[in-house]
Amino acid sequence: MEQAVGLLYANTGKDRFQGTDNLTDEVARKQLIEEINSEIPSPEDNDNLVKRFVEAQSYAMKLLSCGGCGFRNMETTIDGTYKLCKLIHLPIFMELTKIEVEKFVAIKNQPAVQVYIDDKGKMDFVEPWRAYSVYIHNDGYDSLKYYHLHPEMIQEDDDGDKATYLCPTCVSALSYRTGKEPQKPPL
C-alpha cells in the first residue's frame, strides 16, 4: 500500500493532496491513505455502476444514424436522444435551392466513371452523383423536392410519412427545442 501511495503522490503532484507536503510525516501519510480509501467505491456502488452501464448498453438498443450529419451512435438512456423528424416539418433551408438543384441534376446526368476499387487493380463504374448526400423526394404532386439529407437514412414513420432521425446536435441546430434563429446543421 505504501508503494501505491508513493506512486500516486509522485504521479499526481503534491498539490493534489493539501496538507501533505511531507510524506515522511506519519500524520500526512495516514491522511493520504484515508483520502484514497474514501474514494474507493463500495461494493454497492460498484454494483450500481455496473447495473447502470448494462442498462445503458443493452444488446437490444438500436444503432441510430443522423440523416443530417451522418453521425452514428448507439441509442442509450444516458446521452441525448435522436429525434425522428418528418420531412414535411423540416425547415425550408434543408431543401436544396434552385441553383443547388440545377448543379445536382447536372452532376446526376454525368456518365459513370471508372475507378479503382481495390489494391489489385480491379476497377468498377461509379456514378459521381452518389457521392452527394441528397435525398430526392416525390411529394405526391408530381414535383420533386431535394433535401440536404443522407438518402440511406430516410424511412417511413408510423403514419407512412417520410422521416429521418436527427442527432441532438442537428436537432439543436435546427432549433426544434431552442427557438433560436435556424441554422444549417454541421453537414
N, C-alpha and C. Protein backbone atom coordinates (compact mmCIF):
# COMPACT_ATOMS: atom_id res chain seq x y z
N MET A 1 0.83 -1.19 0.00
CA MET A 1 0.00 0.00 0.00
C MET A 1 0.87 1.25 0.00
N GLU A 2 2.00 1.22 0.73
CA GLU A 2 2.85 2.40 0.80
C GLU A 2 3.44 2.72 -0.57
N GLN A 3 3.76 1.69 -1.35
CA GLN A 3 4.27 1.90 -2.69
C GLN A 3 3.22 2.59 -3.55
N ALA A 4 1.98 2.15 -3.45
CA ALA A 4 0.89 2.75 -4.22
C ALA A 4 0.71 4.20 -3.83
N VAL A 5 0.78 4.49 -2.54
CA VAL A 5 0.64 5.87 -2.08
C VAL A 5 1.76 6.73 -2.63
N GLY A 6 2.96 6.21 -2.59
CA GLY A 6 4.11 6.96 -3.10
C GLY A 6 4.00 7.23 -4.59
N LEU A 7 3.58 6.22 -5.37
CA LEU A 7 3.41 6.40 -6.81
C LEU A 7 2.29 7.38 -7.12
N LEU A 8 1.18 7.28 -6.39
CA LEU A 8 0.08 8.20 -6.59
C LEU A 8 0.53 9.62 -6.29
N TYR A 9 1.27 9.79 -5.20
CA TYR A 9 1.78 11.11 -4.81
C TYR A 9 2.70 11.67 -5.88
N ALA A 10 3.59 10.82 -6.40
CA ALA A 10 4.56 11.27 -7.39
C ALA A 10 3.90 11.59 -8.73
N ASN A 11 2.88 10.84 -9.10
CA ASN A 11 2.27 11.00 -10.42
C ASN A 11 1.17 12.05 -10.48
N THR A 12 0.60 12.41 -9.38
CA THR A 12 -0.50 13.38 -9.42
C THR A 12 -0.11 14.75 -8.91
N GLY A 13 1.07 14.86 -8.34
CA GLY A 13 1.53 16.16 -7.87
C GLY A 13 1.17 16.38 -6.41
N LYS A 14 2.07 17.05 -5.72
CA LYS A 14 1.87 17.21 -4.28
C LYS A 14 0.72 18.15 -3.95
N ASP A 15 0.37 19.06 -4.86
CA ASP A 15 -0.72 19.99 -4.57
C ASP A 15 -2.09 19.30 -4.63
N ARG A 16 -2.11 18.10 -5.16
CA ARG A 16 -3.36 17.34 -5.22
C ARG A 16 -3.85 17.00 -3.82
N PHE A 17 -2.91 16.81 -2.89
CA PHE A 17 -3.25 16.43 -1.53
C PHE A 17 -2.84 17.57 -0.60
N GLN A 18 -3.77 18.41 -0.27
CA GLN A 18 -3.48 19.56 0.56
C GLN A 18 -3.06 19.11 1.95
N GLY A 19 -2.03 19.76 2.47
CA GLY A 19 -1.57 19.47 3.82
C GLY A 19 -0.71 18.23 3.90
N THR A 20 -0.24 17.71 2.78
CA THR A 20 0.62 16.53 2.80
C THR A 20 1.94 16.85 2.11
N ASP A 21 2.59 17.92 2.56
CA ASP A 21 3.84 18.33 1.93
C ASP A 21 4.99 17.35 2.19
N ASN A 22 4.89 16.62 3.28
CA ASN A 22 5.97 15.73 3.63
C ASN A 22 5.40 14.34 3.88
N LEU A 23 5.59 13.44 2.90
CA LEU A 23 5.05 12.09 3.06
C LEU A 23 5.82 11.26 4.06
N THR A 24 6.94 11.74 4.51
CA THR A 24 7.65 11.01 5.55
C THR A 24 6.99 11.24 6.90
N ASP A 25 6.17 12.27 6.97
CA ASP A 25 5.41 12.55 8.20
C ASP A 25 4.30 11.52 8.32
N GLU A 26 4.23 10.83 9.43
CA GLU A 26 3.24 9.76 9.62
C GLU A 26 1.81 10.27 9.58
N VAL A 27 1.52 11.46 10.07
CA VAL A 27 0.17 12.03 10.05
C VAL A 27 -0.26 12.29 8.60
N ALA A 28 0.67 12.86 7.81
CA ALA A 28 0.36 13.13 6.40
C ALA A 28 0.12 11.83 5.65
N ARG A 29 0.91 10.83 5.95
CA ARG A 29 0.75 9.53 5.29
C ARG A 29 -0.62 8.93 5.62
N LYS A 30 -1.01 8.96 6.86
CA LYS A 30 -2.31 8.42 7.26
C LYS A 30 -3.45 9.21 6.63
N GLN A 31 -3.28 10.54 6.57
CA GLN A 31 -4.32 11.38 5.95
C GLN A 31 -4.48 11.03 4.48
N LEU A 32 -3.36 10.81 3.79
CA LEU A 32 -3.41 10.45 2.37
C LEU A 32 -4.06 9.09 2.18
N ILE A 33 -3.71 8.14 3.00
CA ILE A 33 -4.30 6.79 2.89
C ILE A 33 -5.79 6.85 3.16
N GLU A 34 -6.22 7.65 4.13
CA GLU A 34 -7.65 7.80 4.41
C GLU A 34 -8.39 8.41 3.22
N GLU A 35 -7.76 9.41 2.59
CA GLU A 35 -8.39 10.05 1.43
C GLU A 35 -8.54 9.06 0.28
N ILE A 36 -7.51 8.28 0.04
CA ILE A 36 -7.56 7.28 -1.03
C ILE A 36 -8.64 6.24 -0.72
N ASN A 37 -8.66 5.76 0.51
CA ASN A 37 -9.66 4.76 0.89
C ASN A 37 -11.07 5.31 0.79
N SER A 38 -11.25 6.60 1.05
CA SER A 38 -12.60 7.19 0.96
C SER A 38 -13.08 7.29 -0.48
N GLU A 39 -12.14 7.28 -1.43
CA GLU A 39 -12.52 7.39 -2.85
C GLU A 39 -12.75 6.03 -3.50
N ILE A 40 -12.46 4.96 -2.81
CA ILE A 40 -12.69 3.62 -3.34
C ILE A 40 -14.19 3.33 -3.25
N PRO A 41 -14.82 3.00 -4.37
CA PRO A 41 -16.27 2.75 -4.32
C PRO A 41 -16.60 1.50 -3.52
N SER A 42 -17.72 1.55 -2.85
CA SER A 42 -18.18 0.39 -2.07
C SER A 42 -18.69 -0.68 -3.03
N PRO A 43 -18.82 -1.92 -2.54
CA PRO A 43 -19.37 -2.97 -3.41
C PRO A 43 -20.76 -2.60 -3.95
N GLU A 44 -21.58 -1.92 -3.15
CA GLU A 44 -22.91 -1.50 -3.61
C GLU A 44 -22.79 -0.46 -4.73
N ASP A 45 -21.83 0.49 -4.56
CA ASP A 45 -21.61 1.49 -5.61
C ASP A 45 -21.15 0.82 -6.90
N ASN A 46 -20.25 -0.15 -6.77
CA ASN A 46 -19.79 -0.88 -7.97
C ASN A 46 -20.95 -1.59 -8.65
N ASP A 47 -21.80 -2.23 -7.87
CA ASP A 47 -22.96 -2.93 -8.43
C ASP A 47 -23.88 -1.95 -9.16
N ASN A 48 -24.11 -0.79 -8.56
CA ASN A 48 -24.97 0.22 -9.20
C ASN A 48 -24.36 0.75 -10.48
N LEU A 49 -23.04 0.97 -10.48
CA LEU A 49 -22.37 1.45 -11.69
C LEU A 49 -22.48 0.42 -12.81
N VAL A 50 -22.25 -0.84 -12.48
CA VAL A 50 -22.35 -1.91 -13.49
C VAL A 50 -23.78 -2.02 -14.00
N LYS A 51 -24.74 -1.95 -13.09
CA LYS A 51 -26.15 -2.05 -13.48
C LYS A 51 -26.53 -0.91 -14.42
N ARG A 52 -26.13 0.33 -14.10
CA ARG A 52 -26.43 1.48 -14.97
C ARG A 52 -25.76 1.32 -16.33
N PHE A 53 -24.53 0.82 -16.35
CA PHE A 53 -23.82 0.63 -17.61
C PHE A 53 -24.53 -0.41 -18.48
N VAL A 54 -24.90 -1.54 -17.88
CA VAL A 54 -25.56 -2.60 -18.63
C VAL A 54 -26.90 -2.12 -19.18
N GLU A 55 -27.65 -1.36 -18.38
CA GLU A 55 -28.94 -0.83 -18.85
C GLU A 55 -28.73 0.13 -20.01
N ALA A 56 -27.70 0.96 -19.92
CA ALA A 56 -27.43 1.94 -20.97
C ALA A 56 -26.86 1.31 -22.23
N GLN A 57 -26.23 0.15 -22.11
CA GLN A 57 -25.58 -0.50 -23.24
C GLN A 57 -26.25 -1.83 -23.59
N SER A 58 -27.53 -1.86 -23.51
CA SER A 58 -28.28 -3.09 -23.75
C SER A 58 -28.02 -3.64 -25.15
N TYR A 59 -28.00 -4.96 -25.25
CA TYR A 59 -27.81 -5.59 -26.56
C TYR A 59 -28.99 -5.31 -27.49
N ALA A 60 -30.10 -4.88 -26.94
CA ALA A 60 -31.30 -4.64 -27.75
C ALA A 60 -31.39 -3.21 -28.27
N MET A 61 -30.44 -2.36 -27.90
CA MET A 61 -30.54 -0.97 -28.36
C MET A 61 -30.21 -0.84 -29.84
N LYS A 62 -30.66 0.25 -30.42
CA LYS A 62 -30.51 0.48 -31.85
C LYS A 62 -29.24 1.27 -32.15
N LEU A 63 -28.66 1.04 -33.32
CA LEU A 63 -27.60 1.89 -33.83
C LEU A 63 -28.29 2.93 -34.71
N LEU A 64 -28.39 4.15 -34.20
CA LEU A 64 -29.10 5.20 -34.93
C LEU A 64 -28.13 6.01 -35.76
N SER A 65 -28.62 6.53 -36.86
CA SER A 65 -27.82 7.36 -37.75
C SER A 65 -28.57 8.65 -38.02
N CYS A 66 -27.84 9.75 -37.98
CA CYS A 66 -28.44 11.06 -38.22
C CYS A 66 -28.55 11.30 -39.72
N GLY A 67 -29.74 11.65 -40.17
CA GLY A 67 -29.95 11.93 -41.59
C GLY A 67 -29.32 13.25 -42.02
N GLY A 68 -29.01 14.13 -41.06
CA GLY A 68 -28.41 15.42 -41.38
C GLY A 68 -26.90 15.35 -41.52
N CYS A 69 -26.22 14.91 -40.47
CA CYS A 69 -24.76 14.91 -40.47
C CYS A 69 -24.16 13.53 -40.71
N GLY A 70 -24.96 12.48 -40.59
CA GLY A 70 -24.48 11.13 -40.83
C GLY A 70 -23.86 10.47 -39.62
N PHE A 71 -23.82 11.16 -38.48
CA PHE A 71 -23.22 10.60 -37.28
C PHE A 71 -24.00 9.38 -36.81
N ARG A 72 -23.28 8.34 -36.43
CA ARG A 72 -23.92 7.11 -35.95
C ARG A 72 -23.59 6.94 -34.47
N ASN A 73 -24.58 6.54 -33.70
CA ASN A 73 -24.38 6.35 -32.28
C ASN A 73 -25.39 5.34 -31.76
N MET A 74 -24.98 4.62 -30.74
CA MET A 74 -25.89 3.67 -30.12
C MET A 74 -26.92 4.43 -29.31
N GLU A 75 -28.15 3.99 -29.38
CA GLU A 75 -29.23 4.59 -28.60
C GLU A 75 -29.01 4.22 -27.14
N THR A 76 -28.90 5.23 -26.29
CA THR A 76 -28.73 4.98 -24.86
C THR A 76 -29.72 5.83 -24.08
N THR A 77 -29.83 5.51 -22.80
CA THR A 77 -30.71 6.30 -21.95
C THR A 77 -29.94 7.40 -21.26
N ILE A 78 -28.62 7.42 -21.41
CA ILE A 78 -27.80 8.40 -20.69
C ILE A 78 -27.61 9.68 -21.49
N ASP A 79 -27.17 9.58 -22.74
CA ASP A 79 -26.89 10.79 -23.51
C ASP A 79 -28.14 11.27 -24.24
N GLY A 80 -27.97 12.33 -25.03
CA GLY A 80 -29.10 12.89 -25.77
C GLY A 80 -29.69 11.88 -26.72
N THR A 81 -30.95 12.00 -26.98
CA THR A 81 -31.61 11.03 -27.85
C THR A 81 -31.81 11.60 -29.24
N TYR A 82 -31.84 10.72 -30.20
CA TYR A 82 -32.13 11.11 -31.57
C TYR A 82 -33.63 11.35 -31.69
N LYS A 83 -33.99 12.28 -32.57
CA LYS A 83 -35.40 12.62 -32.74
C LYS A 83 -35.82 12.25 -34.16
N LEU A 84 -36.93 11.53 -34.28
CA LEU A 84 -37.47 11.19 -35.59
C LEU A 84 -38.24 12.40 -36.10
N CYS A 85 -37.80 12.97 -37.22
CA CYS A 85 -38.39 14.19 -37.77
C CYS A 85 -38.97 13.91 -39.15
N LYS A 86 -40.20 14.31 -39.33
CA LYS A 86 -40.83 14.18 -40.65
C LYS A 86 -40.24 15.22 -41.60
N LEU A 87 -40.10 14.82 -42.86
CA LEU A 87 -39.55 15.75 -43.85
C LEU A 87 -40.41 17.00 -43.98
N ILE A 88 -41.73 16.82 -43.87
CA ILE A 88 -42.62 17.97 -44.04
C ILE A 88 -42.47 18.99 -42.91
N HIS A 89 -41.83 18.59 -41.79
CA HIS A 89 -41.63 19.51 -40.68
C HIS A 89 -40.23 20.13 -40.66
N LEU A 90 -39.39 19.72 -41.59
CA LEU A 90 -38.04 20.29 -41.63
C LEU A 90 -38.09 21.72 -42.16
N PRO A 91 -37.21 22.59 -41.68
CA PRO A 91 -37.18 23.97 -42.18
C PRO A 91 -36.85 24.01 -43.67
N ILE A 92 -37.26 25.06 -44.31
CA ILE A 92 -37.10 25.21 -45.76
C ILE A 92 -35.63 25.17 -46.19
N PHE A 93 -34.73 25.62 -45.32
CA PHE A 93 -33.32 25.64 -45.73
C PHE A 93 -32.70 24.25 -45.77
N MET A 94 -33.44 23.22 -45.36
CA MET A 94 -32.95 21.85 -45.52
C MET A 94 -33.19 21.36 -46.95
N GLU A 95 -33.96 22.11 -47.72
CA GLU A 95 -34.15 21.79 -49.13
C GLU A 95 -33.07 22.49 -49.94
N LEU A 96 -32.66 21.87 -51.02
CA LEU A 96 -31.70 22.50 -51.90
C LEU A 96 -32.34 23.71 -52.57
N THR A 97 -31.54 24.72 -52.80
CA THR A 97 -32.03 25.89 -53.52
C THR A 97 -32.14 25.53 -55.00
N LYS A 98 -32.75 26.41 -55.78
CA LYS A 98 -32.91 26.16 -57.22
C LYS A 98 -31.54 25.97 -57.89
N ILE A 99 -30.57 26.78 -57.51
CA ILE A 99 -29.22 26.67 -58.10
C ILE A 99 -28.57 25.35 -57.69
N GLU A 100 -28.73 24.97 -56.41
CA GLU A 100 -28.16 23.70 -55.94
C GLU A 100 -28.80 22.52 -56.67
N VAL A 101 -30.11 22.60 -56.91
CA VAL A 101 -30.80 21.53 -57.64
C VAL A 101 -30.26 21.43 -59.05
N GLU A 102 -30.09 22.57 -59.71
CA GLU A 102 -29.57 22.56 -61.09
C GLU A 102 -28.18 21.94 -61.14
N LYS A 103 -27.31 22.28 -60.19
CA LYS A 103 -25.97 21.71 -60.15
C LYS A 103 -26.02 20.20 -59.90
N PHE A 104 -26.89 19.80 -58.98
CA PHE A 104 -27.01 18.38 -58.66
C PHE A 104 -27.53 17.59 -59.86
N VAL A 105 -28.55 18.10 -60.53
CA VAL A 105 -29.11 17.43 -61.71
C VAL A 105 -28.05 17.32 -62.80
N ALA A 106 -27.24 18.37 -62.96
CA ALA A 106 -26.17 18.32 -63.97
C ALA A 106 -25.17 17.21 -63.64
N ILE A 107 -24.83 17.09 -62.38
CA ILE A 107 -23.91 16.03 -61.95
C ILE A 107 -24.57 14.66 -62.12
N LYS A 108 -25.87 14.60 -61.81
CA LYS A 108 -26.59 13.32 -61.93
C LYS A 108 -26.65 12.85 -63.38
N ASN A 109 -26.62 13.76 -64.32
CA ASN A 109 -26.68 13.41 -65.74
C ASN A 109 -25.31 13.03 -66.30
N GLN A 110 -24.26 13.17 -65.52
CA GLN A 110 -22.93 12.78 -65.99
C GLN A 110 -22.83 11.26 -66.03
N PRO A 111 -22.06 10.74 -66.99
CA PRO A 111 -21.91 9.28 -67.06
C PRO A 111 -21.07 8.76 -65.90
N ALA A 112 -21.21 7.49 -65.64
CA ALA A 112 -20.43 6.84 -64.59
C ALA A 112 -18.95 6.89 -64.97
N VAL A 113 -18.11 6.95 -63.95
CA VAL A 113 -16.66 6.96 -64.17
C VAL A 113 -16.08 5.67 -63.62
N GLN A 114 -14.98 5.28 -64.23
CA GLN A 114 -14.33 4.05 -63.80
C GLN A 114 -13.26 4.39 -62.77
N VAL A 115 -13.30 3.69 -61.61
CA VAL A 115 -12.34 3.93 -60.53
C VAL A 115 -11.80 2.60 -60.02
N TYR A 116 -10.63 2.69 -59.41
CA TYR A 116 -10.05 1.50 -58.77
C TYR A 116 -10.83 1.21 -57.49
N ILE A 117 -11.13 -0.07 -57.26
CA ILE A 117 -11.89 -0.40 -56.06
C ILE A 117 -11.10 -1.29 -55.09
N ASP A 118 -9.88 -1.66 -55.47
CA ASP A 118 -9.02 -2.40 -54.56
C ASP A 118 -7.57 -2.16 -54.93
N ASP A 119 -6.67 -2.73 -54.16
CA ASP A 119 -5.24 -2.51 -54.41
C ASP A 119 -4.65 -3.50 -55.42
N LYS A 120 -5.51 -4.31 -56.02
CA LYS A 120 -5.05 -5.29 -57.02
C LYS A 120 -5.31 -4.81 -58.45
N GLY A 121 -5.80 -3.58 -58.59
CA GLY A 121 -6.04 -3.04 -59.91
C GLY A 121 -7.44 -3.27 -60.44
N LYS A 122 -8.33 -3.85 -59.64
CA LYS A 122 -9.69 -4.08 -60.08
C LYS A 122 -10.42 -2.74 -60.17
N MET A 123 -11.20 -2.58 -61.25
CA MET A 123 -11.92 -1.33 -61.47
C MET A 123 -13.41 -1.59 -61.58
N ASP A 124 -14.19 -0.55 -61.29
CA ASP A 124 -15.63 -0.63 -61.41
C ASP A 124 -16.16 0.76 -61.76
N PHE A 125 -17.41 0.81 -62.23
CA PHE A 125 -18.02 2.08 -62.58
C PHE A 125 -18.79 2.64 -61.38
N VAL A 126 -18.64 3.95 -61.18
CA VAL A 126 -19.30 4.64 -60.08
C VAL A 126 -19.97 5.89 -60.62
N GLU A 127 -21.20 6.13 -60.16
CA GLU A 127 -21.91 7.34 -60.57
C GLU A 127 -21.52 8.48 -59.64
N PRO A 128 -20.94 9.56 -60.17
CA PRO A 128 -20.42 10.65 -59.32
C PRO A 128 -21.48 11.28 -58.40
N TRP A 129 -22.72 11.34 -58.82
CA TRP A 129 -23.75 12.00 -58.02
C TRP A 129 -24.01 11.27 -56.71
N ARG A 130 -23.65 9.99 -56.64
CA ARG A 130 -23.89 9.22 -55.41
C ARG A 130 -22.98 9.66 -54.27
N ALA A 131 -21.96 10.46 -54.57
CA ALA A 131 -21.07 10.97 -53.52
C ALA A 131 -21.73 12.11 -52.74
N TYR A 132 -22.82 12.64 -53.25
CA TYR A 132 -23.52 13.74 -52.58
C TYR A 132 -24.62 13.19 -51.68
N SER A 133 -24.77 13.82 -50.53
CA SER A 133 -25.85 13.42 -49.61
C SER A 133 -27.09 14.25 -49.92
N VAL A 134 -27.83 13.78 -50.90
CA VAL A 134 -29.05 14.46 -51.32
C VAL A 134 -30.16 13.43 -51.39
N TYR A 135 -31.26 13.71 -50.69
CA TYR A 135 -32.41 12.83 -50.76
C TYR A 135 -33.44 13.47 -51.69
N ILE A 136 -33.89 12.72 -52.70
CA ILE A 136 -34.88 13.21 -53.65
C ILE A 136 -36.23 12.64 -53.25
N HIS A 137 -37.18 13.52 -53.00
CA HIS A 137 -38.49 13.11 -52.50
C HIS A 137 -39.58 13.54 -53.49
N ASN A 138 -40.41 12.58 -53.89
CA ASN A 138 -41.58 12.90 -54.70
C ASN A 138 -42.71 13.17 -53.72
N ASP A 139 -43.18 14.41 -53.69
CA ASP A 139 -44.18 14.80 -52.68
C ASP A 139 -45.59 14.34 -53.02
N GLY A 140 -45.76 13.56 -54.09
CA GLY A 140 -47.07 13.04 -54.44
C GLY A 140 -47.83 13.94 -55.40
N TYR A 141 -47.29 15.09 -55.69
CA TYR A 141 -47.94 16.04 -56.61
C TYR A 141 -47.11 16.21 -57.87
N ASP A 142 -46.39 15.15 -58.24
CA ASP A 142 -45.54 15.14 -59.42
C ASP A 142 -44.47 16.21 -59.37
N SER A 143 -44.06 16.61 -58.19
CA SER A 143 -42.93 17.52 -58.08
C SER A 143 -41.91 16.90 -57.14
N LEU A 144 -40.66 17.12 -57.47
CA LEU A 144 -39.58 16.56 -56.66
C LEU A 144 -39.02 17.62 -55.73
N LYS A 145 -38.70 17.19 -54.51
CA LYS A 145 -38.02 18.06 -53.55
C LYS A 145 -36.68 17.41 -53.25
N TYR A 146 -35.66 18.23 -53.19
CA TYR A 146 -34.31 17.76 -52.93
C TYR A 146 -33.89 18.25 -51.54
N TYR A 147 -33.46 17.32 -50.69
CA TYR A 147 -33.11 17.66 -49.31
C TYR A 147 -31.63 17.42 -49.04
N HIS A 148 -31.05 18.26 -48.18
CA HIS A 148 -29.69 18.06 -47.67
C HIS A 148 -29.74 16.96 -46.60
N LEU A 149 -29.99 15.74 -47.01
CA LEU A 149 -30.11 14.61 -46.10
C LEU A 149 -29.46 13.38 -46.71
N HIS A 150 -28.99 12.49 -45.88
CA HIS A 150 -28.43 11.23 -46.35
C HIS A 150 -29.59 10.33 -46.79
N PRO A 151 -29.68 10.00 -48.09
CA PRO A 151 -30.83 9.25 -48.59
C PRO A 151 -31.00 7.86 -47.96
N GLU A 152 -29.90 7.24 -47.57
CA GLU A 152 -30.00 5.90 -46.99
C GLU A 152 -30.57 5.92 -45.58
N MET A 153 -30.74 7.11 -45.02
CA MET A 153 -31.25 7.22 -43.64
C MET A 153 -32.69 7.74 -43.59
N ILE A 154 -33.36 7.73 -44.72
CA ILE A 154 -34.76 8.13 -44.77
C ILE A 154 -35.62 6.88 -44.61
N GLN A 155 -36.68 7.00 -43.85
CA GLN A 155 -37.58 5.87 -43.63
C GLN A 155 -39.01 6.38 -43.53
N GLU A 156 -39.92 5.45 -43.43
CA GLU A 156 -41.32 5.83 -43.22
C GLU A 156 -41.63 5.72 -41.74
N ASP A 157 -42.32 6.73 -41.21
CA ASP A 157 -42.71 6.66 -39.80
C ASP A 157 -44.02 5.88 -39.68
N ASP A 158 -44.58 5.85 -38.49
CA ASP A 158 -45.80 5.07 -38.24
C ASP A 158 -46.99 5.57 -39.05
N ASP A 159 -46.98 6.84 -39.46
CA ASP A 159 -48.07 7.41 -40.25
C ASP A 159 -47.87 7.22 -41.75
N GLY A 160 -46.74 6.61 -42.15
CA GLY A 160 -46.45 6.43 -43.57
C GLY A 160 -45.77 7.62 -44.20
N ASP A 161 -45.42 8.62 -43.40
CA ASP A 161 -44.71 9.80 -43.91
C ASP A 161 -43.21 9.55 -43.92
N LYS A 162 -42.51 10.18 -44.84
CA LYS A 162 -41.06 10.07 -44.89
C LYS A 162 -40.48 10.85 -43.71
N ALA A 163 -39.49 10.23 -43.06
CA ALA A 163 -38.88 10.84 -41.88
C ALA A 163 -37.44 10.37 -41.77
N THR A 164 -36.69 11.06 -40.92
CA THR A 164 -35.31 10.67 -40.64
C THR A 164 -34.99 11.01 -39.19
N TYR A 165 -34.06 10.26 -38.63
CA TYR A 165 -33.59 10.59 -37.28
C TYR A 165 -32.56 11.71 -37.38
N LEU A 166 -32.61 12.62 -36.44
CA LEU A 166 -31.61 13.67 -36.33
C LEU A 166 -30.96 13.58 -34.96
N CYS A 167 -29.64 13.76 -34.92
CA CYS A 167 -28.90 13.69 -33.66
C CYS A 167 -29.17 14.95 -32.84
N PRO A 168 -28.82 14.93 -31.55
CA PRO A 168 -29.06 16.11 -30.71
C PRO A 168 -28.41 17.38 -31.25
N THR A 169 -27.24 17.27 -31.86
CA THR A 169 -26.56 18.45 -32.41
C THR A 169 -27.36 19.05 -33.56
N CYS A 170 -27.83 18.21 -34.47
CA CYS A 170 -28.62 18.71 -35.60
C CYS A 170 -29.98 19.22 -35.14
N VAL A 171 -30.58 18.53 -34.18
CA VAL A 171 -31.86 19.00 -33.66
C VAL A 171 -31.70 20.38 -33.07
N SER A 172 -30.63 20.57 -32.31
CA SER A 172 -30.37 21.88 -31.71
C SER A 172 -30.13 22.92 -32.80
N ALA A 173 -29.35 22.56 -33.81
CA ALA A 173 -29.05 23.49 -34.89
C ALA A 173 -30.31 23.87 -35.66
N LEU A 174 -31.23 22.95 -35.76
CA LEU A 174 -32.47 23.23 -36.48
C LEU A 174 -33.52 23.88 -35.58
N SER A 175 -33.16 24.13 -34.36
CA SER A 175 -33.97 24.87 -33.39
C SER A 175 -35.32 24.23 -33.08
N TYR A 176 -35.35 22.90 -33.00
CA TYR A 176 -36.58 22.24 -32.61
C TYR A 176 -36.95 22.56 -31.16
N ARG A 177 -35.93 22.68 -30.33
CA ARG A 177 -36.20 22.92 -28.91
C ARG A 177 -35.81 24.31 -28.47
N THR A 178 -34.83 24.92 -29.12
CA THR A 178 -34.24 26.14 -28.60
C THR A 178 -35.03 27.39 -28.96
N GLY A 179 -35.73 27.39 -30.07
CA GLY A 179 -36.45 28.58 -30.50
C GLY A 179 -35.53 29.65 -31.05
N LYS A 180 -34.23 29.33 -31.23
CA LYS A 180 -33.27 30.30 -31.77
C LYS A 180 -33.42 30.39 -33.28
N GLU A 181 -32.73 31.36 -33.85
CA GLU A 181 -32.73 31.54 -35.29
C GLU A 181 -32.20 30.26 -35.94
N PRO A 182 -32.91 29.70 -36.93
CA PRO A 182 -32.47 28.45 -37.56
C PRO A 182 -31.11 28.57 -38.20
N GLN A 183 -30.33 27.50 -38.06
CA GLN A 183 -29.02 27.40 -38.68
C GLN A 183 -28.95 26.05 -39.37
N LYS A 184 -28.17 25.97 -40.44
CA LYS A 184 -27.97 24.66 -41.05
C LYS A 184 -27.12 23.81 -40.11
N PRO A 185 -27.42 22.54 -39.97
CA PRO A 185 -26.61 21.69 -39.09
C PRO A 185 -25.23 21.48 -39.71
N PRO A 186 -24.29 21.03 -38.89
CA PRO A 186 -22.93 20.79 -39.42
C PRO A 186 -22.91 19.56 -40.31
N LEU A 187 -23.12 19.74 -41.61
CA LEU A 187 -23.18 18.61 -42.53
C LEU A 187 -21.81 18.27 -43.04
